[in-house]
Protein backbone atom coordinates (compact mmCIF):
# COMPACT_ATOMS: atom_id res chain seq x y z
CA MET A 1 110.37 115.58 128.25
CA PRO A 2 111.91 112.29 129.30
CA GLU A 3 115.69 112.17 128.99
CA TRP A 4 115.62 109.11 126.69
CA PHE A 5 113.56 111.14 124.22
CA THR A 6 115.69 114.30 124.23
CA SER A 7 119.11 112.61 124.35
CA HIS A 8 119.25 110.96 120.97
CA ASN A 9 121.65 110.58 118.10
CA GLY A 10 121.43 109.61 114.45
CA TRP A 11 121.23 105.91 115.30
CA HIS A 12 117.81 106.35 116.90
CA TRP A 13 116.48 107.75 113.64
CA ALA A 14 118.20 105.02 111.62
CA ILE A 15 116.62 102.33 113.81
CA LEU A 16 113.21 104.02 113.44
CA GLY A 17 113.72 104.10 109.67
CA LEU A 18 114.57 100.40 109.56
CA VAL A 19 111.56 99.55 111.74
CA LEU A 20 109.27 101.52 109.41
CA ILE A 21 110.75 99.86 106.31
CA GLY A 22 110.33 96.49 108.04
CA GLY A 23 106.72 97.43 108.75
CA GLU A 24 106.27 98.04 105.04
CA MET A 25 107.40 94.48 104.39
CA LEU A 26 104.88 93.12 106.89
CA ALA A 27 101.98 95.29 105.70
CA PRO A 28 102.77 96.43 102.14
CA GLY A 29 101.04 99.54 100.95
CA ILE A 30 103.96 101.65 99.69
CA PHE A 31 103.58 104.24 102.42
CA LEU A 32 105.71 103.26 105.40
CA ILE A 33 108.74 102.91 103.16
CA TRP A 34 108.70 106.64 102.46
CA LEU A 35 108.46 107.47 106.16
CA GLY A 36 111.30 105.02 106.79
CA LEU A 37 113.39 106.75 104.15
CA ALA A 38 112.65 110.10 105.79
CA ALA A 39 113.75 108.70 109.17
CA LEU A 40 116.99 107.36 107.64
CA LEU A 41 117.68 110.76 106.05
CA THR A 42 116.93 112.47 109.36
CA GLY A 43 119.37 110.10 111.07
CA ALA A 44 122.01 111.05 108.53
CA LEU A 45 121.36 114.75 109.17
CA VAL A 46 121.54 114.28 112.94
CA GLY A 47 124.78 112.32 112.58
CA LEU A 48 126.40 114.82 110.20
CA ILE A 49 125.14 118.14 111.54
CA GLY A 50 124.27 117.26 115.13
CA LEU A 51 120.68 118.53 115.21
CA GLY A 52 118.83 118.80 118.50
CA TRP A 53 115.71 116.71 119.01
CA GLN A 54 113.38 119.62 118.13
CA SER A 55 115.23 120.35 114.88
CA ALA A 56 115.39 116.65 114.08
CA ALA A 57 111.62 116.30 114.57
CA ILE A 58 111.00 119.24 112.24
CA ALA A 59 113.49 117.85 109.71
CA PHE A 60 111.73 114.47 109.87
CA ALA A 61 108.32 116.09 109.30
CA VAL A 62 109.59 118.03 106.27
CA LEU A 63 111.48 115.04 104.85
CA ALA A 64 108.46 112.77 105.42
CA VAL A 65 106.24 115.06 103.35
CA LEU A 66 108.88 115.35 100.62
CA CYS A 67 109.49 111.58 100.52
CA VAL A 68 105.77 110.76 100.39
CA VAL A 69 105.17 113.28 97.58
CA ALA A 70 108.21 112.01 95.65
CA GLY A 71 107.07 108.43 96.17
CA ARG A 72 103.58 109.22 94.90
CA LEU A 73 105.04 110.84 91.79
CA LEU A 74 107.32 107.87 91.16
CA THR A 75 104.63 105.24 91.64
CA ARG A 76 101.99 107.14 89.68
CA HIS A 77 104.35 107.45 86.71
CA ARG A 78 105.21 103.77 86.86
CA ALA A 79 101.54 102.77 87.03
CA GLU A 80 100.78 104.67 83.82
CA GLU A 81 103.45 102.87 81.82
CA PRO A 82 102.21 99.79 79.98
CA ASP A 83 103.92 96.64 81.11
CA ALA A 84 104.44 93.37 79.32
CA ALA A 85 101.38 91.73 80.87
CA THR A 86 99.00 94.57 79.96
CA GLY A 87 98.57 93.46 76.37
CA LEU A 88 97.95 89.80 77.17
CA ASN A 89 94.18 90.26 77.26
CA ASP A 90 94.09 93.24 74.89
CA ARG A 91 95.80 92.08 71.71
CA GLY A 92 94.41 94.95 69.65
CA ARG A 93 96.21 97.53 71.79
CA GLN A 94 99.51 95.78 71.04
CA LEU A 95 98.90 96.37 67.34
CA VAL A 96 98.50 100.16 67.53
CA GLY A 97 101.24 101.86 65.49
CA LYS A 98 102.26 98.72 63.59
CA VAL A 99 102.12 98.39 59.81
CA PHE A 100 100.39 95.50 57.97
CA ARG A 101 99.31 94.65 54.41
CA LEU A 102 95.68 94.47 53.37
CA GLU A 103 94.50 90.98 52.42
CA ALA A 104 91.85 92.29 50.01
CA THR A 105 90.72 95.64 48.58
CA MET A 106 88.84 97.72 51.12
CA ILE A 107 85.23 98.17 50.03
CA GLY A 108 83.04 100.72 51.78
CA GLY A 109 85.91 101.56 54.11
CA GLU A 110 86.09 97.99 55.45
CA GLY A 111 88.66 95.29 54.90
CA ARG A 112 90.84 92.67 56.58
CA ILE A 113 94.48 92.27 57.53
CA ARG A 114 96.37 89.18 58.63
CA VAL A 115 98.25 89.34 61.92
CA GLY A 116 100.14 86.14 62.56
CA ASP A 117 97.59 83.34 62.23
CA SER A 118 94.52 85.54 62.75
CA SER A 119 92.54 87.88 60.53
CA TRP A 120 91.37 91.27 61.80
CA ARG A 121 88.56 93.47 60.51
CA VAL A 122 89.80 96.98 59.70
CA THR A 123 88.15 100.28 58.81
CA GLY A 124 89.71 103.25 57.10
CA PRO A 125 90.21 104.77 53.65
CA GLU A 126 89.48 102.64 50.60
CA LEU A 127 92.75 101.05 49.52
CA LEU A 128 93.79 98.26 47.17
CA ALA A 129 94.80 94.78 48.29
CA GLY A 130 98.46 94.65 49.32
CA SER A 131 98.52 98.29 50.45
CA GLU A 132 100.34 98.95 53.69
CA VAL A 133 98.22 100.30 56.52
CA ARG A 134 99.14 101.54 59.99
CA VAL A 135 96.87 100.76 62.94
CA LEU A 136 95.69 104.00 64.59
CA ARG A 137 93.43 102.68 67.34
CA VAL A 138 91.17 99.84 68.36
CA ASP A 139 87.39 100.23 68.18
CA GLY A 140 85.90 97.15 69.84
CA ALA A 141 87.11 94.20 67.75
CA THR A 142 87.87 96.43 64.74
CA LEU A 143 91.17 98.10 63.99
CA VAL A 144 91.04 101.65 62.60
CA VAL A 145 93.82 102.12 60.04
CA GLU A 146 95.36 104.71 57.76
CA LYS A 147 97.58 104.45 54.68
CA ALA A 148 101.16 103.86 55.83
């Protein structure tokens, strides 16, 4: 092995970590950042414990796998959460769980509710006008409701 490769310290790993994080900024894909974090952690280990280059390489490999797995778990969880913009084109989904009053008596399991300045078709149990209903789900352009 070349001497420059085997004679290293924690700063080499820190610089590699910063280069990888910088690479993430140039080509975003949320992957290099986790490898950069693993390199920074490896640099900290080398600086604190004084690992040899073989041990540091193994520590980097293990930390890289752990950081990538943790990153995938964090980003997958965040992607499943609804954000503010999600409901912009799906107004019905914003109404699920909310309570409204029926405009007229439901006949044949169908009726209407007023939401702001719009009127929505609803289906559910037959109820009298003025009854409170809770939106259960959206079925196309129809809200499925139950007695609140």
